[in-house]
Amino acid sequence: MTASLNALAVLNAATPDAKVKAAKHLAQEWAASQDVGAYIENVPDTPARPEKPELVAPSDVKRRRLGTPAGRCALLHAVAHIEFNAIDLAADMIARFGHHPDIPEADRNAFIADWISVCNDEARHFGLLQTRLAEFGMSYGDLPAHNGLWEAAVKTKSNFAARLAIAPMVLEARGLDVTLGMIEKLTSVGDTESADILKIIYNDEIGHVAIGARWFQTLARIRGQEPESWFHHLVGSYYAGQLKPPFNVQARTLAGLKQGFYIPLS
């Protein structure tokens, strides 16, 4: 099948195993054919989901100390939930925006290839976390989670620039700010196995933020917009609240996010 249809198949896969399998199939089919496919008119606003985890308000997700196995399980489950949603975010970027008229035809395959690589990475991350949770005697879905990441996707479903600004350049960039602290805490309590998984995720996410930032700045040039001021406007319109320091300036800079993008919003 084409990239468009395979991305839609990721969104329509309900179980974790099926979604991971569909994401891997998307990458394999793209490597074999690089067939973008036709525009899809009815991309679902909400992807297929398993019955669990129970989705609750962010304030209702309990926080536990990482010094206990329960606390480490809670952290790994929360990160797994983010990665599970991130699989769908990347697939949605392909299915919903892969044929956006502002993407030059000469660049369309590069755009699709970038987000397929992100989707495949997120599926791999989720698989690593699933395996680690199983070693603790847990599964994804055993704890409640919140739906903030997908709520942001719904808010930006009709605005390509806003989706690029909010998903990779705000939400994923926030992951760069907090993940190193998680790695240090896990290492300090002797859980190097979990820390090593977060190191993989952290390094890959720098590349994901870079992909989002690069396409946002490409779109800004096409639209004749100054990237930083346009980013500020979109974040102000589509994201509730301010960006929270401290920022991982080194990782953000590696990803192409200059301080002028985010410092004025903090």
Foldseek 3Di string as FASTA:
>chain_A
DALLVLLLQLLADADLVSNLVSLVVSLVVCVVPLHLDDADDCRDLHGHYYPFDAADDPVPLDADAPLDLVNVLSVLLAVLVVLSVQLNLLSLCSRQPLVPPLQPPVCSSVLSNLSSVSNNLSSVLNVLSQVVSVVSVDGRRPGYYHDVLSVLCSLCSPPSLLSLLPNLVAVLQVCLQCLVVVLVSCVVSPNNSVSVSSVSVNVVSLQVSLSSLVVSVSSCVSVVHDRQVVSVVSCVVRPPAFRDDDGPQVSCVSSVNHCSNHVVRD
